[in-house]
Structures are given as structure tokens and as C-alpha cells.
Protein backbone atom coordinates (compact mmCIF):
# COMPACT_ATOMS: atom_id res chain seq x y z
CA MET A 1 -0.03 0.00 -0.08
CA SER A 2 1.12 3.45 -0.73
CA ASN A 3 0.72 6.65 0.93
CA ARG A 4 -0.40 8.67 -1.96
CA TYR A 5 -3.89 9.67 -0.37
CA GLN A 6 -3.09 9.03 3.21
CA GLN A 7 -4.61 12.57 4.20
CA LEU A 8 -7.74 11.90 2.19
CA LYS A 9 -11.18 10.17 3.12
CA VAL A 10 -13.68 9.23 0.69
CA ALA A 11 -17.45 8.79 1.50
CA VAL A 12 -19.31 5.89 -0.41
CA LEU A 13 -23.07 6.60 -0.39
CA VAL A 14 -24.78 3.08 -0.78
CA THR A 15 -27.62 0.96 0.24
CA ASP A 16 -28.66 -2.58 -0.47
CA GLY A 17 -28.81 -3.58 -3.98
CA PHE A 18 -25.40 -2.06 -5.21
CA GLU A 19 -23.40 -3.67 -8.12
CA GLN A 20 -20.57 -5.42 -6.45
CA ALA A 21 -17.61 -4.48 -8.68
CA GLU A 22 -18.65 -0.86 -8.74
CA LEU A 23 -18.13 -0.55 -5.14
CA LEU A 24 -15.36 -3.06 -4.22
CA GLU A 25 -12.75 -2.38 -7.09
CA PRO A 26 -12.77 1.39 -6.69
CA LYS A 27 -12.52 0.86 -2.85
CA LYS A 28 -9.61 -1.49 -3.16
CA ALA A 29 -7.84 0.87 -5.60
CA LEU A 30 -8.30 3.71 -3.30
CA GLU A 31 -7.23 1.91 -0.13
CA ALA A 32 -4.30 0.68 -2.09
CA ALA A 33 -3.29 4.25 -2.63
CA GLY A 34 -3.60 5.08 1.16
CA ALA A 35 -7.05 6.62 1.23
CA THR A 36 -9.61 6.04 4.08
CA VAL A 37 -12.96 4.90 2.53
CA HIS A 38 -15.96 4.92 4.65
CA ILE A 39 -19.21 3.21 3.58
CA LEU A 40 -22.15 5.57 4.47
CA SER A 41 -25.73 4.23 4.30
CA ASP A 42 -29.28 4.35 5.66
CA LYS A 43 -28.71 0.76 6.88
CA THR A 44 -26.96 0.22 10.25
CA ASP A 45 -24.72 -2.96 10.05
CA SER A 46 -24.12 -4.09 6.44
CA VAL A 47 -25.21 -3.57 2.90
CA GLN A 48 -25.94 -6.29 0.46
CA GLY A 49 -23.99 -6.46 -3.11
CA PHE A 50 -25.20 -8.00 -6.19
CA LYS A 51 -23.46 -9.26 -9.26
CA HIS A 52 -25.99 -8.23 -12.02
CA VAL A 53 -28.93 -10.01 -10.71
CA ASP A 54 -27.15 -12.59 -8.37
CA LYS A 55 -26.51 -12.10 -4.80
CA GLY A 56 -23.05 -11.10 -4.13
CA GLU A 57 -20.97 -9.92 -1.06
CA SER A 58 -22.08 -7.82 1.85
CA VAL A 59 -20.09 -4.85 2.89
CA SER A 60 -19.84 -3.61 6.61
CA VAL A 61 -21.24 -0.09 7.16
CA ASP A 62 -18.99 2.60 8.70
CA GLY A 63 -21.51 5.37 9.29
CA SER A 64 -24.89 6.54 8.96
CA LEU A 65 -26.10 9.02 6.35
CA ASP A 66 -28.23 10.49 9.27
CA THR A 67 -25.17 11.89 11.04
CA ALA A 68 -22.16 11.84 8.35
CA ARG A 69 -20.87 15.37 7.70
CA PRO A 70 -19.86 16.25 4.02
CA GLU A 71 -17.16 18.47 5.24
CA ASP A 72 -15.14 15.48 6.97
CA TYR A 73 -14.73 14.07 3.38
CA SER A 74 -12.57 14.83 0.32
CA ALA A 75 -14.57 13.20 -2.30
CA VAL A 76 -17.65 10.99 -2.65
CA LEU A 77 -18.22 7.76 -4.73
CA LEU A 78 -21.68 6.56 -5.91
CA PRO A 79 -21.71 2.88 -7.04
CA GLY A 80 -24.46 1.51 -9.33
CA GLY A 81 -26.88 -1.05 -9.21
CA VAL A 82 -30.37 -0.26 -10.20
CA VAL A 83 -31.99 -1.10 -6.91
CA ASN A 84 -29.22 0.73 -4.95
CA GLY A 85 -29.47 3.84 -7.35
CA ASP A 86 -33.21 4.13 -7.10
CA ALA A 87 -33.28 3.80 -3.39
CA MET A 88 -30.55 6.28 -2.62
CA ARG A 89 -32.04 8.99 -4.86
CA LEU A 90 -35.12 9.00 -2.53
CA LEU A 91 -33.20 9.61 0.68
CA PRO A 92 -33.15 13.32 1.70
CA GLN A 93 -29.89 12.85 3.66
CA ALA A 94 -28.10 11.56 0.56
CA ARG A 95 -29.46 14.24 -1.58
CA ASN A 96 -28.37 16.86 0.94
CA PHE A 97 -24.82 15.24 1.28
CA ILE A 98 -24.14 15.13 -2.42
CA ARG A 99 -25.53 18.74 -2.78
CA ALA A 100 -22.83 19.87 -0.09
CA ALA A 101 -20.00 17.93 -1.70
CA ASN A 102 -20.98 19.61 -5.05
CA ASP A 103 -21.30 23.08 -3.51
CA ALA A 104 -17.67 22.51 -1.98
CA GLU A 105 -16.46 21.51 -5.39
CA LYS A 106 -15.39 18.04 -4.13
CA PRO A 107 -14.77 15.22 -6.52
CA ILE A 108 -17.95 13.23 -7.08
CA ALA A 109 -17.60 9.84 -8.99
CA SER A 110 -20.63 8.12 -10.11
CA ILE A 111 -20.81 4.91 -12.31
CA CYS A 112 -23.88 3.06 -13.58
CA HIS A 113 -27.24 3.80 -11.98
CA GLY A 114 -25.43 5.86 -9.11
CA GLY A 115 -25.91 8.93 -11.32
CA TRP A 116 -29.57 9.03 -10.42
CA LEU A 117 -28.75 10.71 -7.12
CA LEU A 118 -27.05 13.64 -9.05
CA ILE A 119 -30.48 14.08 -10.89
CA SER A 120 -32.79 14.08 -7.75
CA ALA A 121 -30.35 16.30 -5.93
CA GLY A 122 -30.68 18.93 -8.59
CA ILE A 123 -26.98 19.26 -9.53
CA ALA A 124 -26.92 17.29 -12.95
CA LYS A 125 -28.04 20.32 -14.98
CA GLY A 126 -25.58 21.65 -17.35
CA ARG A 127 -23.10 18.86 -16.65
CA THR A 128 -21.66 16.46 -19.19
CA VAL A 129 -22.19 12.84 -18.03
CA THR A 130 -22.50 9.33 -18.83
CA SER A 131 -24.16 6.47 -16.96
CA TRP A 132 -25.95 3.06 -17.71
CA PRO A 133 -27.68 3.77 -20.95
CA SER A 134 -31.30 3.41 -19.61
CA LEU A 135 -30.65 6.74 -17.53
CA GLN A 136 -29.86 8.81 -20.49
CA ASP A 137 -33.29 10.13 -20.80
CA ASP A 138 -33.53 11.02 -17.12
CA PHE A 139 -30.31 12.98 -17.46
CA LYS A 140 -31.27 14.78 -20.54
CA ASN A 141 -34.61 15.86 -18.92
CA ALA A 142 -32.55 17.13 -16.17
CA GLY A 143 -30.62 19.43 -18.52
CA SER A 144 -27.46 17.34 -18.60
CA GLN A 145 -25.54 16.44 -21.76
CA TRP A 146 -25.33 12.50 -21.81
CA VAL A 147 -22.64 10.86 -23.92
CA ASP A 148 -21.81 7.22 -24.51
CA GLN A 149 -18.16 6.92 -23.28
CA GLU A 150 -16.32 4.72 -20.89
CA VAL A 151 -15.54 7.73 -18.55
CA VAL A 152 -16.38 11.47 -18.80
CA ARG A 153 -14.83 14.30 -16.76
CA ASP A 154 -16.70 17.59 -16.20
CA GLU A 155 -15.04 19.74 -13.45
CA ASN A 156 -15.60 17.99 -10.36
CA PHE A 157 -17.71 15.12 -11.81
CA VAL A 158 -16.35 11.84 -13.05
CA SER A 159 -18.82 9.32 -14.49
CA SER A 160 -18.81 5.94 -16.25
CA ARG A 161 -21.30 3.46 -17.52
CA LYS A 162 -20.69 -0.22 -16.28
CA PRO A 163 -18.24 -2.54 -14.51
CA THR A 164 -16.07 -3.13 -17.53
CA ASP A 165 -15.44 0.88 -17.48
CA ILE A 166 -13.92 0.45 -14.05
CA PRO A 167 -10.13 0.79 -14.99
CA ALA A 168 -10.73 4.06 -16.81
CA PHE A 169 -13.01 5.18 -14.07
CA ASN A 170 -10.61 4.65 -11.22
CA ASN A 171 -7.79 6.27 -13.31
CA GLU A 172 -9.80 9.35 -13.89
CA PHE A 173 -11.14 9.51 -10.53
CA MET A 174 -7.70 9.27 -8.94
CA LYS A 175 -6.34 12.00 -11.22
CA LEU A 176 -9.33 14.05 -9.86
CA LEU A 177 -8.17 13.18 -6.21
CA ASP A 178 -4.74 14.43 -6.98
CA GLU A 179 -6.16 17.84 -7.58
CA GLN A 180 -8.44 17.76 -4.64
CA GLN A 181 -5.33 16.83 -2.64
CA ARG A 182 -3.39 19.87 -3.82
CA ARG A 183 -6.49 21.95 -3.07
CA GLU A 184 -6.61 20.63 0.53
CA GLN A 185 -2.80 21.17 1.06
CA GLY A 186 -3.04 24.76 -0.09
CA GLN A 187 -5.59 25.41 2.48
CA GLN A 188 -3.68 24.12 5.41
CA PRO A 189 -2.09 26.65 7.69
CA ASP A 190 1.93 26.98 7.60
CA ALA A 191 3.54 24.58 9.95
CA THR A 192 5.67 27.14 11.44
CA GLY A 193 3.08 29.20 13.12
CA GLY A 194 0.72 30.55 10.48
CA GLU A 195 3.16 33.02 8.86
CA PRO A 196 2.68 33.56 5.11
CA ALA A 197 5.06 31.03 3.04
CA LEU A 198 7.93 32.97 1.26
CA THR A 199 9.37 32.28 -2.30
CA GLU A 200 13.17 32.07 -2.60
CA ALA A 201 13.11 35.57 -3.77
CA GLY A 202 11.70 36.78 -0.47
CA GLY A 203 8.15 37.64 -1.57
CA GLU A 204 5.11 36.03 -0.29
CA ALA A 205 4.26 32.59 -1.99
CA ASP A 206 0.91 32.38 -3.84
CA THR A 207 -1.38 30.58 -1.53
CA THR A 208 -4.55 30.93 -3.69
CA THR A 209 -6.53 27.59 -3.39
CA PRO A 210 -6.21 26.01 -6.80
CA ARG A 211 -9.48 25.22 -8.64
CA LEU A 212 -10.21 21.85 -10.12
CA SER A 213 -9.56 21.53 -13.90
CA GLU A 214 -12.31 23.07 -15.97
CA LYS A 215 -14.41 21.00 -18.21
CA GLY A 216 -12.71 19.56 -21.33
CA SER A 217 -9.21 20.23 -20.01
CA ALA A 218 -6.83 17.59 -19.17
CA PRO A 219 -6.26 17.06 -15.55
CA ALA A 220 -2.75 16.83 -14.06
CA ALA A 221 -0.92 13.42 -14.74
CA PRO A 222 -0.92 11.08 -11.57
CA PRO A 223 2.32 10.32 -9.87
CA SER A 224 4.46 7.40 -11.51
CA HIS A 225 3.43 5.05 -8.56
CA GLU A 226 -0.07 5.05 -9.76
CA ASN A 227 0.23 1.40 -11.11
CA GLU A 228 0.51 0.21 -7.27
CA ALA A 229 -2.80 1.39 -6.64
CA PHE A 230 -4.58 0.30 -9.96
CA ALA A 231 -3.04 -3.07 -9.77
CA VAL A 232 -5.99 -4.12 -7.70
CA ALA A 233 -8.53 -2.81 -10.30
CA HIS A 234 -6.86 -4.19 -13.43
CA GLY A 235 -6.43 -7.57 -12.10
CA GLN A 236 -10.05 -8.22 -11.39
CA SER A 237 -12.17 -10.22 -13.96
CA PRO A 238 -14.78 -8.33 -15.87
CA GLN A 239 -18.03 -8.45 -14.15
CA SER A 240 -21.58 -8.53 -15.58
CA ASP A 241 -23.02 -5.27 -16.53
CA GLY A 242 -25.48 -3.81 -14.32
């Protein structure tokens, strides 16, 4: 495990009926890079995953959506699964959480049916996204531009369609996390006691918080040790689409 993201916490908003690969594979890749990943749910003990229509693994819940605070997390992951996605969009606490994360320009990664929550939270308008194809009319009706691509980046949004897109999805999400980490580091007070940082020339360094890359621009390339974190995701066998 690397320490690439040892300061970052990622919230996964999920309930019963999630597509197993779309939670477990990104979670493994993030944890392999040093991130803390918390499963937040309306359920108290565990949530049930599925491999398309077949029952899969259950995952322990780390915290309640009723009490979780968006400001405690650096990013949000929204796995798919039609049952999970349809249930999550109906939860006011999930809608409030994702709105707050978006207002703070935090990375939001959705895959498959996970994007339904973006629509119900009212934050999909004007955004370019992808998803499981059956959601395209919902996104278009919400004012989004829907495209059929394995991964789409729009400012703080990353989205993908299905389990076979997961390697590209993880890759783009982690590029976005690199940017978020630089933002958070820019907001931290100087360790010497809060005095402004100085450049070598003696002037004050620019401490303006960097913004996430604009739509359509290429995000910064990830560090060279990226492969260590992605080995988990790339080594998985393809799952059924869901």
C-alpha cells in the first residue's frame, strides 16, 4: 500500500442492491493508494451487493447518512446497481450530502445507476455525464448532456457506464483526487505558526487555493506510482454489466 492519499477520506453513499464490482474495485484501488474509505448508508450493519442479478458480497457499514458530515470527506463515490441507485435518490440525507459536496467542489464519482442521485439532488443540470444507458433520458430531462463513453470528466464530476469501465473510471477519479489533495494542502496553515510562506526571492508565495480543472481540460497526470494502486482494479476479471 502506498501513502499517496493518506490524508484523504472518501465517502461511499450506498444501500442494499449495489453492483458489487462498482463498489469493491474502486474501494480497493483507493485503499491501495492510502485513502480512507467509509461506507455511509441508511442501513446500520451491512449492505448487500449483487453481481448483476445474483446475490453477491455484503459490505460492513462505517457510518450513518443521518449523522455523516460532508465536510469531513474529500470526495464522494456513488456505485451503481439499479436497486441501490433508485433507493438512494429517495433519501433526503443522501441528496443533502451530495449537494453539499458539490457546493464545495469536491470530487464526485458516479458509475452506472449511481448517477440517479445527481439528478434527484438537482446538481446534474448543465453537466456532461455518462451512465448506464437507460438513465440517458433522465439526464437529458434534467438538463445534462449525456454521452456514451467509458469515462467522462466534467469539472468535479467523473462518471462511467458499467463494470467494464472501472479501470478507466478509477484512473480518472484518482487524477481528480490528486487535484483535490493539492487544493486541501493549499488550505492548510503554515506549520511554522501561520506566517505566510515565502518564495526564494523573499516575497510571499501564492497561497490561492487552486481550482479543479475546467471542463474539457486535461487533469494533471498522476504520480508515477499510480500502477501500485491500480493493480488491484486491473487484476479483476470483468463483471456482468449492471
